[in-house]
Amino acid sequence: MYDCFDRRADALFDLVDGICAPVTVAGVAYVSLAPGARRGHDAGYGALSAGRIDEDLLRDVLLARFRAAGWRPDFAVDASVWARCDAECSPGRGFYHHPARHSAGQPIVAGWCYSWLVGLSTEHDSWTAPLDARRLAVSDNPNMVAAGQVRAVLSRLGPLEQPRWSPSTAVTTRCS
């Protein structure tokens, strides 16, 4: 993952390391002061403002971890809202439905919406593998963005293995 960072790689990786620490994360300053962080909070803010991430390489790294022998392309997509009601000067904010937070008695908040694509586990557990995240523009159709994410992931994964069954061996039922 470190190789995905083009600029300010050490400081960005410290932030990733801090996010993975088993402590509550209340902001960048807290992450940069987590155990194991080697720089002060100013380096964290500097990394976020001037650091660069090679998004294509990061997606390839995540996909390589997801695809194992005999894998199935099972995905789930979720559109999550990051409510930022008081960030009036932030660009790209929109108004979105939020089931838990209300504004003036309505389940609507100002913020950003992100479309998350994850790979589902074949095991009987709740683990997922994050594969892609995209911020939705206010004018975006979430379903079209999700379909584009799935198409992009499938094209990056390459050809799929043949299914273990074929139509000639599948059991079919005819309804009349």
N, C-alpha and C. Protein backbone atom coordinates (compact mmCIF):
# COMPACT_ATOMS: atom_id res chain seq x y z
N MET A 1 0.81 -1.18 0.00
CA MET A 1 0.00 0.00 0.00
C MET A 1 0.87 1.26 0.00
N TYR A 2 2.00 1.20 0.63
CA TYR A 2 2.89 2.35 0.71
C TYR A 2 3.26 2.87 -0.68
N ASP A 3 3.42 1.97 -1.63
CA ASP A 3 3.80 2.36 -2.99
C ASP A 3 2.70 3.16 -3.70
N CYS A 4 1.49 3.15 -3.17
CA CYS A 4 0.39 3.90 -3.77
C CYS A 4 0.48 5.39 -3.48
N PHE A 5 1.32 5.77 -2.54
CA PHE A 5 1.45 7.18 -2.17
C PHE A 5 2.57 7.82 -2.97
N ASP A 6 2.22 8.84 -3.78
CA ASP A 6 3.20 9.50 -4.63
C ASP A 6 3.98 10.58 -3.90
N ARG A 7 3.31 11.37 -3.08
CA ARG A 7 3.94 12.47 -2.36
C ARG A 7 3.56 12.37 -0.90
N ARG A 8 4.52 12.71 -0.02
CA ARG A 8 4.31 12.66 1.43
C ARG A 8 3.89 11.26 1.87
N ALA A 9 4.56 10.27 1.30
CA ALA A 9 4.19 8.87 1.53
C ALA A 9 4.31 8.48 3.00
N ASP A 10 5.38 8.88 3.67
CA ASP A 10 5.55 8.49 5.07
C ASP A 10 4.43 9.05 5.95
N ALA A 11 4.10 10.31 5.76
CA ALA A 11 3.05 10.93 6.57
C ALA A 11 1.68 10.34 6.25
N LEU A 12 1.41 10.05 4.98
CA LEU A 12 0.14 9.42 4.62
C LEU A 12 0.04 8.03 5.22
N PHE A 13 1.14 7.28 5.18
CA PHE A 13 1.10 5.94 5.74
C PHE A 13 0.93 5.99 7.26
N ASP A 14 1.49 7.00 7.92
CA ASP A 14 1.26 7.17 9.35
C ASP A 14 -0.23 7.37 9.64
N LEU A 15 -0.92 8.12 8.78
CA LEU A 15 -2.35 8.31 8.96
C LEU A 15 -3.11 6.99 8.80
N VAL A 16 -2.73 6.21 7.79
CA VAL A 16 -3.36 4.90 7.59
C VAL A 16 -3.11 4.03 8.81
N ASP A 17 -1.89 4.03 9.31
CA ASP A 17 -1.54 3.25 10.49
C ASP A 17 -2.35 3.70 11.70
N GLY A 18 -2.53 5.01 11.85
CA GLY A 18 -3.30 5.53 12.96
C GLY A 18 -4.77 5.17 12.88
N ILE A 19 -5.32 5.15 11.67
CA ILE A 19 -6.73 4.78 11.50
C ILE A 19 -6.93 3.32 11.89
N CYS A 20 -5.93 2.49 11.66
CA CYS A 20 -6.03 1.07 11.98
C CYS A 20 -5.80 0.77 13.46
N ALA A 21 -5.39 1.77 14.24
CA ALA A 21 -5.15 1.57 15.67
C ALA A 21 -6.49 1.35 16.38
N PRO A 22 -6.49 0.53 17.42
CA PRO A 22 -7.75 0.23 18.12
C PRO A 22 -8.17 1.34 19.09
N VAL A 23 -8.28 2.55 18.59
CA VAL A 23 -8.72 3.69 19.40
C VAL A 23 -9.77 4.46 18.62
N THR A 24 -10.54 5.25 19.33
CA THR A 24 -11.54 6.08 18.67
C THR A 24 -10.85 7.19 17.89
N VAL A 25 -11.27 7.39 16.68
CA VAL A 25 -10.68 8.42 15.82
C VAL A 25 -11.67 9.58 15.75
N ALA A 26 -11.27 10.70 16.33
CA ALA A 26 -12.14 11.88 16.34
C ALA A 26 -11.67 12.95 15.37
N GLY A 27 -10.53 12.76 14.73
CA GLY A 27 -10.03 13.75 13.79
C GLY A 27 -8.59 13.47 13.43
N VAL A 28 -8.08 14.26 12.50
CA VAL A 28 -6.71 14.07 12.01
C VAL A 28 -5.70 14.21 13.13
N ALA A 29 -5.88 15.18 14.00
CA ALA A 29 -4.93 15.38 15.09
C ALA A 29 -4.85 14.15 15.98
N TYR A 30 -5.99 13.50 16.24
CA TYR A 30 -5.99 12.31 17.08
C TYR A 30 -5.28 11.15 16.40
N VAL A 31 -5.49 11.02 15.09
CA VAL A 31 -4.83 9.95 14.33
C VAL A 31 -3.33 10.15 14.34
N SER A 32 -2.89 11.39 14.15
CA SER A 32 -1.46 11.65 14.08
C SER A 32 -0.79 11.56 15.44
N LEU A 33 -1.57 11.51 16.51
CA LEU A 33 -1.01 11.36 17.85
C LEU A 33 -1.22 9.95 18.40
N ALA A 34 -1.74 9.04 17.59
CA ALA A 34 -1.97 7.66 18.02
C ALA A 34 -0.64 6.97 18.26
N PRO A 35 -0.64 5.91 19.07
CA PRO A 35 0.60 5.17 19.29
C PRO A 35 1.20 4.70 17.97
N GLY A 36 2.47 4.90 17.80
CA GLY A 36 3.16 4.50 16.58
C GLY A 36 3.30 5.62 15.57
N ALA A 37 2.56 6.70 15.74
CA ALA A 37 2.69 7.83 14.81
C ALA A 37 4.05 8.49 15.05
N ARG A 38 4.77 8.74 13.98
CA ARG A 38 6.13 9.25 14.11
C ARG A 38 6.22 10.75 13.87
N ARG A 39 5.13 11.37 13.50
CA ARG A 39 5.14 12.80 13.19
C ARG A 39 4.06 13.50 13.99
N GLY A 40 4.12 14.79 14.03
CA GLY A 40 3.10 15.56 14.73
C GLY A 40 1.86 15.76 13.88
N HIS A 41 0.85 16.40 14.48
CA HIS A 41 -0.40 16.56 13.74
C HIS A 41 -0.26 17.49 12.54
N ASP A 42 0.72 18.37 12.54
CA ASP A 42 0.91 19.23 11.37
C ASP A 42 1.30 18.42 10.14
N ALA A 43 2.04 17.33 10.33
CA ALA A 43 2.41 16.47 9.20
C ALA A 43 1.19 15.76 8.63
N GLY A 44 0.24 15.41 9.48
CA GLY A 44 -0.98 14.78 9.01
C GLY A 44 -1.80 15.70 8.12
N TYR A 45 -1.95 16.93 8.58
CA TYR A 45 -2.68 17.91 7.76
C TYR A 45 -1.93 18.23 6.48
N GLY A 46 -0.61 18.32 6.57
CA GLY A 46 0.20 18.56 5.37
C GLY A 46 0.08 17.43 4.37
N ALA A 47 0.05 16.19 4.88
CA ALA A 47 -0.08 15.04 3.99
C ALA A 47 -1.43 15.04 3.29
N LEU A 48 -2.47 15.42 4.01
CA LEU A 48 -3.80 15.46 3.40
C LEU A 48 -3.93 16.57 2.37
N SER A 49 -3.24 17.68 2.59
CA SER A 49 -3.37 18.79 1.64
C SER A 49 -2.40 18.68 0.46
N ALA A 50 -1.21 18.12 0.67
CA ALA A 50 -0.21 18.09 -0.40
C ALA A 50 0.16 16.68 -0.85
N GLY A 51 -0.24 15.67 -0.11
CA GLY A 51 0.08 14.30 -0.50
C GLY A 51 -0.73 13.86 -1.70
N ARG A 52 -0.25 12.85 -2.38
CA ARG A 52 -0.94 12.33 -3.56
C ARG A 52 -1.02 10.81 -3.46
N ILE A 53 -2.17 10.28 -3.88
CA ILE A 53 -2.39 8.84 -3.87
C ILE A 53 -2.65 8.40 -5.31
N ASP A 54 -1.94 7.38 -5.75
CA ASP A 54 -2.18 6.79 -7.07
C ASP A 54 -3.41 5.89 -6.93
N GLU A 55 -4.57 6.43 -7.28
CA GLU A 55 -5.83 5.72 -7.07
C GLU A 55 -5.91 4.42 -7.87
N ASP A 56 -5.41 4.42 -9.09
CA ASP A 56 -5.45 3.20 -9.90
C ASP A 56 -4.60 2.09 -9.27
N LEU A 57 -3.42 2.44 -8.79
CA LEU A 57 -2.56 1.45 -8.14
C LEU A 57 -3.21 0.95 -6.85
N LEU A 58 -3.83 1.84 -6.09
CA LEU A 58 -4.51 1.43 -4.86
C LEU A 58 -5.65 0.47 -5.17
N ARG A 59 -6.42 0.75 -6.21
CA ARG A 59 -7.49 -0.18 -6.60
C ARG A 59 -6.92 -1.54 -6.98
N ASP A 60 -5.79 -1.56 -7.70
CA ASP A 60 -5.16 -2.82 -8.07
C ASP A 60 -4.69 -3.59 -6.83
N VAL A 61 -4.14 -2.89 -5.86
CA VAL A 61 -3.69 -3.53 -4.62
C VAL A 61 -4.89 -4.15 -3.89
N LEU A 62 -5.98 -3.41 -3.78
CA LEU A 62 -7.16 -3.93 -3.10
C LEU A 62 -7.75 -5.12 -3.84
N LEU A 63 -7.78 -5.06 -5.16
CA LEU A 63 -8.31 -6.19 -5.94
C LEU A 63 -7.44 -7.42 -5.82
N ALA A 64 -6.13 -7.23 -5.78
CA ALA A 64 -5.22 -8.38 -5.65
C ALA A 64 -5.44 -9.09 -4.32
N ARG A 65 -5.76 -8.35 -3.28
CA ARG A 65 -6.02 -8.96 -1.98
C ARG A 65 -7.36 -9.69 -1.97
N PHE A 66 -8.29 -9.22 -2.80
CA PHE A 66 -9.63 -9.78 -2.81
C PHE A 66 -9.71 -11.07 -3.62
N ARG A 67 -9.06 -11.08 -4.77
CA ARG A 67 -9.20 -12.21 -5.68
C ARG A 67 -8.33 -13.37 -5.22
N ALA A 68 -8.98 -14.43 -4.85
CA ALA A 68 -8.29 -15.65 -4.44
C ALA A 68 -8.72 -16.78 -5.37
N ALA A 69 -8.09 -17.91 -5.23
CA ALA A 69 -8.43 -19.05 -6.07
C ALA A 69 -9.89 -19.44 -5.82
N GLY A 70 -10.62 -19.66 -6.89
CA GLY A 70 -12.00 -20.09 -6.78
C GLY A 70 -12.96 -19.00 -6.32
N TRP A 71 -12.57 -17.74 -6.45
CA TRP A 71 -13.42 -16.65 -5.98
C TRP A 71 -14.64 -16.49 -6.87
N ARG A 72 -15.65 -15.89 -6.30
CA ARG A 72 -16.86 -15.54 -7.05
C ARG A 72 -16.99 -14.03 -7.06
N PRO A 73 -17.41 -13.46 -8.16
CA PRO A 73 -17.57 -12.00 -8.22
C PRO A 73 -18.87 -11.55 -7.56
N ASP A 74 -18.93 -11.67 -6.24
CA ASP A 74 -20.09 -11.23 -5.47
C ASP A 74 -19.78 -9.87 -4.86
N PHE A 75 -20.58 -8.88 -5.19
CA PHE A 75 -20.33 -7.53 -4.73
C PHE A 75 -21.55 -6.98 -4.01
N ALA A 76 -21.32 -5.98 -3.20
CA ALA A 76 -22.39 -5.19 -2.58
C ALA A 76 -22.01 -3.73 -2.74
N VAL A 77 -23.02 -2.90 -2.89
CA VAL A 77 -22.80 -1.46 -3.04
C VAL A 77 -23.65 -0.75 -2.00
N ASP A 78 -23.06 0.26 -1.38
CA ASP A 78 -23.78 1.07 -0.40
C ASP A 78 -23.49 2.53 -0.67
N ALA A 79 -24.51 3.35 -0.61
CA ALA A 79 -24.33 4.80 -0.71
C ALA A 79 -24.47 5.36 0.70
N SER A 80 -23.39 5.90 1.23
CA SER A 80 -23.37 6.43 2.59
C SER A 80 -23.17 7.94 2.55
N VAL A 81 -23.87 8.62 3.43
CA VAL A 81 -23.80 10.07 3.51
C VAL A 81 -22.86 10.48 4.64
N TRP A 82 -21.96 11.39 4.32
CA TRP A 82 -21.10 12.01 5.33
C TRP A 82 -21.71 13.38 5.59
N ALA A 83 -22.44 13.48 6.68
CA ALA A 83 -23.14 14.72 7.00
C ALA A 83 -22.14 15.79 7.43
N ARG A 84 -22.22 16.93 6.79
CA ARG A 84 -21.38 18.09 7.12
C ARG A 84 -22.26 19.34 7.07
N CYS A 85 -23.22 19.38 7.98
CA CYS A 85 -24.23 20.45 7.98
C CYS A 85 -23.63 21.83 8.19
N ASP A 86 -22.54 21.94 8.93
CA ASP A 86 -21.96 23.24 9.24
C ASP A 86 -20.85 23.65 8.29
N ALA A 87 -20.55 22.85 7.29
CA ALA A 87 -19.48 23.16 6.35
C ALA A 87 -20.05 23.90 5.14
N GLU A 88 -20.59 25.08 5.39
CA GLU A 88 -21.32 25.81 4.36
C GLU A 88 -20.47 26.22 3.17
N CYS A 89 -19.18 26.40 3.36
CA CYS A 89 -18.30 26.85 2.27
C CYS A 89 -17.67 25.70 1.51
N SER A 90 -17.92 24.47 1.91
CA SER A 90 -17.30 23.32 1.26
C SER A 90 -17.97 23.05 -0.09
N PRO A 91 -17.18 22.86 -1.14
CA PRO A 91 -17.75 22.65 -2.47
C PRO A 91 -18.36 21.26 -2.62
N GLY A 92 -19.38 21.18 -3.44
CA GLY A 92 -19.94 19.89 -3.80
C GLY A 92 -20.92 19.29 -2.81
N ARG A 93 -21.25 20.02 -1.76
CA ARG A 93 -22.22 19.47 -0.81
C ARG A 93 -23.60 19.42 -1.43
N GLY A 94 -24.37 18.44 -1.01
CA GLY A 94 -25.75 18.34 -1.46
C GLY A 94 -26.64 18.02 -0.28
N PHE A 95 -27.91 17.88 -0.53
CA PHE A 95 -28.86 17.50 0.51
C PHE A 95 -29.28 16.06 0.27
N TYR A 96 -29.14 15.24 1.31
CA TYR A 96 -29.38 13.81 1.18
C TYR A 96 -30.25 13.31 2.31
N HIS A 97 -30.94 12.20 2.04
CA HIS A 97 -31.72 11.53 3.08
C HIS A 97 -30.76 10.89 4.07
N HIS A 98 -31.07 11.03 5.35
CA HIS A 98 -30.28 10.39 6.40
C HIS A 98 -31.25 9.86 7.44
N PRO A 99 -31.27 8.55 7.69
CA PRO A 99 -32.28 7.97 8.57
C PRO A 99 -32.14 8.37 10.04
N ALA A 100 -30.96 8.75 10.49
CA ALA A 100 -30.76 9.00 11.91
C ALA A 100 -30.65 10.47 12.27
N ARG A 101 -30.29 11.31 11.33
CA ARG A 101 -30.12 12.73 11.62
C ARG A 101 -31.19 13.53 10.91
N HIS A 102 -31.65 14.57 11.56
CA HIS A 102 -32.72 15.38 10.99
C HIS A 102 -32.35 16.84 10.99
N SER A 103 -32.90 17.56 10.03
CA SER A 103 -32.74 19.01 9.94
C SER A 103 -34.14 19.61 9.82
N ALA A 104 -34.50 20.45 10.77
CA ALA A 104 -35.83 21.07 10.80
C ALA A 104 -36.94 20.02 10.76
N GLY A 105 -36.74 18.92 11.46
CA GLY A 105 -37.74 17.87 11.54
C GLY A 105 -37.79 16.93 10.35
N GLN A 106 -36.93 17.13 9.37
CA GLN A 106 -36.91 16.28 8.18
C GLN A 106 -35.64 15.43 8.17
N PRO A 107 -35.73 14.20 7.64
CA PRO A 107 -34.53 13.33 7.59
C PRO A 107 -33.61 13.69 6.43
N ILE A 108 -33.22 14.97 6.38
CA ILE A 108 -32.38 15.46 5.30
C ILE A 108 -31.19 16.17 5.91
N VAL A 109 -29.99 15.88 5.39
CA VAL A 109 -28.78 16.54 5.89
C VAL A 109 -27.98 17.06 4.70
N ALA A 110 -27.16 18.06 4.98
CA ALA A 110 -26.23 18.56 3.97
C ALA A 110 -24.91 17.82 4.14
N GLY A 111 -24.31 17.44 3.05
CA GLY A 111 -23.04 16.73 3.12
C GLY A 111 -22.67 16.13 1.79
N TRP A 112 -21.90 15.08 1.85
CA TRP A 112 -21.45 14.38 0.64
C TRP A 112 -21.92 12.94 0.71
N CYS A 113 -22.17 12.38 -0.45
CA CYS A 113 -22.58 10.98 -0.54
C CYS A 113 -21.48 10.20 -1.25
N TYR A 114 -21.15 9.05 -0.69
CA TYR A 114 -20.11 8.18 -1.26
C TYR A 114 -20.72 6.83 -1.62
N SER A 115 -20.33 6.32 -2.76
CA SER A 115 -20.74 4.99 -3.20
C SER A 115 -19.59 4.03 -2.92
N TRP A 116 -19.85 3.04 -2.06
CA TRP A 116 -18.85 2.05 -1.66
C TRP A 116 -19.15 0.73 -2.35
N LEU A 117 -18.14 0.17 -2.99
CA LEU A 117 -18.25 -1.15 -3.61
C LEU A 117 -17.36 -2.09 -2.82
N VAL A 118 -17.94 -3.19 -2.34
CA VAL A 118 -17.17 -4.17 -1.57
C VAL A 118 -17.35 -5.55 -2.18
N GLY A 119 -16.35 -6.39 -1.99
CA GLY A 119 -16.43 -7.78 -2.37
C GLY A 119 -16.90 -8.58 -1.17
N LEU A 120 -17.84 -9.47 -1.39
CA LEU A 120 -18.40 -10.26 -0.30
C LEU A 120 -17.60 -11.54 -0.10
N SER A 121 -17.54 -11.97 1.11
CA SER A 121 -16.81 -13.19 1.48
C SER A 121 -17.65 -14.41 1.14
N THR A 122 -16.98 -15.50 0.80
CA THR A 122 -17.68 -16.76 0.57
C THR A 122 -17.88 -17.51 1.88
N GLU A 123 -17.26 -17.04 2.93
CA GLU A 123 -17.41 -17.66 4.24
C GLU A 123 -18.70 -17.14 4.90
N HIS A 124 -19.13 -17.81 5.94
CA HIS A 124 -20.31 -17.38 6.68
C HIS A 124 -19.88 -16.39 7.75
N ASP A 125 -19.58 -15.17 7.31
CA ASP A 125 -19.17 -14.13 8.25
C ASP A 125 -19.60 -12.78 7.70
N SER A 126 -19.27 -11.74 8.40
CA SER A 126 -19.69 -10.41 7.98
C SER A 126 -18.57 -9.59 7.36
N TRP A 127 -17.44 -10.22 7.05
CA TRP A 127 -16.31 -9.49 6.49
C TRP A 127 -16.56 -9.16 5.02
N THR A 128 -16.13 -7.97 4.65
CA THR A 128 -16.17 -7.55 3.25
C THR A 128 -14.81 -6.98 2.88
N ALA A 129 -14.54 -6.92 1.60
CA ALA A 129 -13.27 -6.36 1.11
C ALA A 129 -13.58 -5.07 0.36
N PRO A 130 -13.20 -3.91 0.90
CA PRO A 130 -13.47 -2.67 0.17
C PRO A 130 -12.68 -2.65 -1.13
N LEU A 131 -13.37 -2.38 -2.23
CA LEU A 131 -12.74 -2.39 -3.55
C LEU A 131 -12.73 -1.03 -4.22
N ASP A 132 -13.71 -0.19 -3.91
CA ASP A 132 -13.78 1.12 -4.56
C ASP A 132 -14.71 2.03 -3.77
N ALA A 133 -14.40 3.31 -3.78
CA ALA A 133 -15.25 4.33 -3.18
C ALA A 133 -15.22 5.55 -4.09
N ARG A 134 -16.38 6.09 -4.37
CA ARG A 134 -16.48 7.26 -5.23
C ARG A 134 -17.40 8.28 -4.57
N ARG A 135 -16.97 9.53 -4.59
CA ARG A 135 -17.87 10.58 -4.11
C ARG A 135 -18.85 10.89 -5.24
N LEU A 136 -20.13 10.91 -4.88
CA LEU A 136 -21.16 11.21 -5.86
C LEU A 136 -21.35 12.71 -5.97
N ALA A 137 -21.44 13.20 -7.18
CA ALA A 137 -21.84 14.59 -7.40
C ALA A 137 -23.34 14.67 -7.15
N VAL A 138 -23.81 15.85 -6.84
CA VAL A 138 -25.24 16.02 -6.56
C VAL A 138 -26.08 15.55 -7.74
N SER A 139 -25.60 15.75 -8.95
CA SER A 139 -26.36 15.38 -10.14
C SER A 139 -26.22 13.91 -10.54
N ASP A 140 -25.37 13.15 -9.87
CA ASP A 140 -25.14 11.75 -10.23
C ASP A 140 -26.33 10.87 -9.87
N ASN A 141 -26.55 9.85 -10.68
CA ASN A 141 -27.52 8.81 -10.38
C ASN A 141 -26.76 7.72 -9.64
N PRO A 142 -27.08 7.45 -8.36
CA PRO A 142 -26.32 6.45 -7.59
C PRO A 142 -26.29 5.07 -8.24
N ASN A 143 -27.38 4.67 -8.90
CA ASN A 143 -27.41 3.36 -9.55
C ASN A 143 -26.45 3.30 -10.73
N MET A 144 -26.37 4.37 -11.49
CA MET A 144 -25.45 4.40 -12.63
C MET A 144 -24.00 4.41 -12.15
N VAL A 145 -23.72 5.13 -11.08
CA VAL A 145 -22.36 5.14 -10.53
C VAL A 145 -21.99 3.75 -10.03
N ALA A 146 -22.92 3.09 -9.33
CA ALA A 146 -22.66 1.73 -8.82
C ALA A 146 -22.40 0.76 -9.97
N ALA A 147 -23.21 0.84 -11.02
CA ALA A 147 -23.01 -0.04 -12.18
C ALA A 147 -21.65 0.23 -12.82
N GLY A 148 -21.25 1.49 -12.90
CA GLY A 148 -19.94 1.83 -13.44
C GLY A 148 -18.81 1.29 -12.57
N GLN A 149 -19.00 1.33 -11.25
CA GLN A 149 -17.98 0.78 -10.35
C GLN A 149 -17.83 -0.72 -10.56
N VAL A 150 -18.94 -1.44 -10.67
CA VAL A 150 -18.87 -2.89 -10.88
C VAL A 150 -18.21 -3.20 -12.22
N ARG A 151 -18.59 -2.48 -13.27
CA ARG A 151 -17.95 -2.70 -14.58
C ARG A 151 -16.45 -2.44 -14.52
N ALA A 152 -16.05 -1.37 -13.84
CA ALA A 152 -14.63 -1.04 -13.74
C ALA A 152 -13.86 -2.11 -12.98
N VAL A 153 -14.44 -2.63 -11.90
CA VAL A 153 -13.77 -3.68 -11.13
C VAL A 153 -13.66 -4.95 -11.96
N LEU A 154 -14.73 -5.33 -12.64
CA LEU A 154 -14.68 -6.54 -13.46
C LEU A 154 -13.66 -6.41 -14.58
N SER A 155 -13.54 -5.24 -15.18
CA SER A 155 -12.54 -5.08 -16.25
C SER A 155 -11.12 -5.14 -15.69
N ARG A 156 -10.91 -4.66 -14.48
CA ARG A 156 -9.58 -4.72 -13.86
C ARG A 156 -9.22 -6.15 -13.46
N LEU A 157 -10.23 -6.94 -13.10
CA LEU A 157 -9.98 -8.31 -12.67
C LEU A 157 -9.64 -9.24 -13.82
N GLY A 158 -10.03 -8.88 -15.02
CA GLY A 158 -9.74 -9.72 -16.16
C GLY A 158 -10.78 -10.80 -16.34
N PRO A 159 -10.49 -11.78 -17.21
CA PRO A 159 -11.48 -12.81 -17.51
C PRO A 159 -11.80 -13.65 -16.28
N LEU A 160 -13.05 -14.01 -16.18
CA LEU A 160 -13.51 -14.85 -15.08
C LEU A 160 -13.35 -16.31 -15.46
N GLU A 161 -13.18 -17.15 -14.44
CA GLU A 161 -13.11 -18.58 -14.67
C GLU A 161 -14.49 -19.08 -15.08
N GLN A 162 -14.53 -20.21 -15.76
CA GLN A 162 -15.80 -20.78 -16.14
C GLN A 162 -16.57 -21.21 -14.89
N PRO A 163 -17.88 -21.06 -14.91
CA PRO A 163 -18.66 -21.50 -13.76
C PRO A 163 -18.56 -23.01 -13.59
N ARG A 164 -18.85 -23.47 -12.40
CA ARG A 164 -18.74 -24.90 -12.10
C ARG A 164 -19.90 -25.70 -12.67
N TRP A 165 -20.90 -25.04 -13.15
CA TRP A 165 -22.04 -25.72 -13.76
C TRP A 165 -22.20 -25.18 -15.17
N SER A 166 -22.90 -25.90 -15.98
CA SER A 166 -23.19 -25.42 -17.32
C SER A 166 -24.69 -25.54 -17.54
N PRO A 167 -25.24 -24.80 -18.49
CA PRO A 167 -26.69 -24.88 -18.73
C PRO A 167 -27.16 -26.30 -19.04
N SER A 168 -26.30 -27.11 -19.65
CA SER A 168 -26.73 -28.47 -20.00
C SER A 168 -26.88 -29.35 -18.77
N THR A 169 -26.18 -29.03 -17.68
CA THR A 169 -26.28 -29.85 -16.48
C THR A 169 -27.17 -29.22 -15.43
N ALA A 170 -27.62 -28.00 -15.67
CA ALA A 170 -28.45 -27.32 -14.68
C ALA A 170 -29.85 -27.93 -14.68
N VAL A 171 -30.44 -28.00 -13.52
CA VAL A 171 -31.80 -28.49 -13.39
C VAL A 171 -32.74 -27.34 -13.70
N THR A 172 -33.65 -27.57 -14.62
CA THR A 172 -34.61 -26.52 -14.96
C THR A 172 -36.01 -27.02 -14.68
N THR A 173 -36.88 -26.11 -14.34
CA THR A 173 -38.28 -26.44 -14.08
C THR A 173 -39.13 -25.61 -15.02
N ARG A 174 -40.07 -26.26 -15.63
CA ARG A 174 -40.95 -25.53 -16.54
C ARG A 174 -42.28 -25.29 -15.85
N CYS A 175 -42.68 -24.04 -15.85
CA CYS A 175 -43.98 -23.68 -15.27
C CYS A 175 -44.98 -23.49 -16.39
N SER A 176 -46.16 -24.10 -16.26
CA SER A 176 -47.18 -23.92 -17.29
C SER A 176 -48.38 -23.24 -16.69
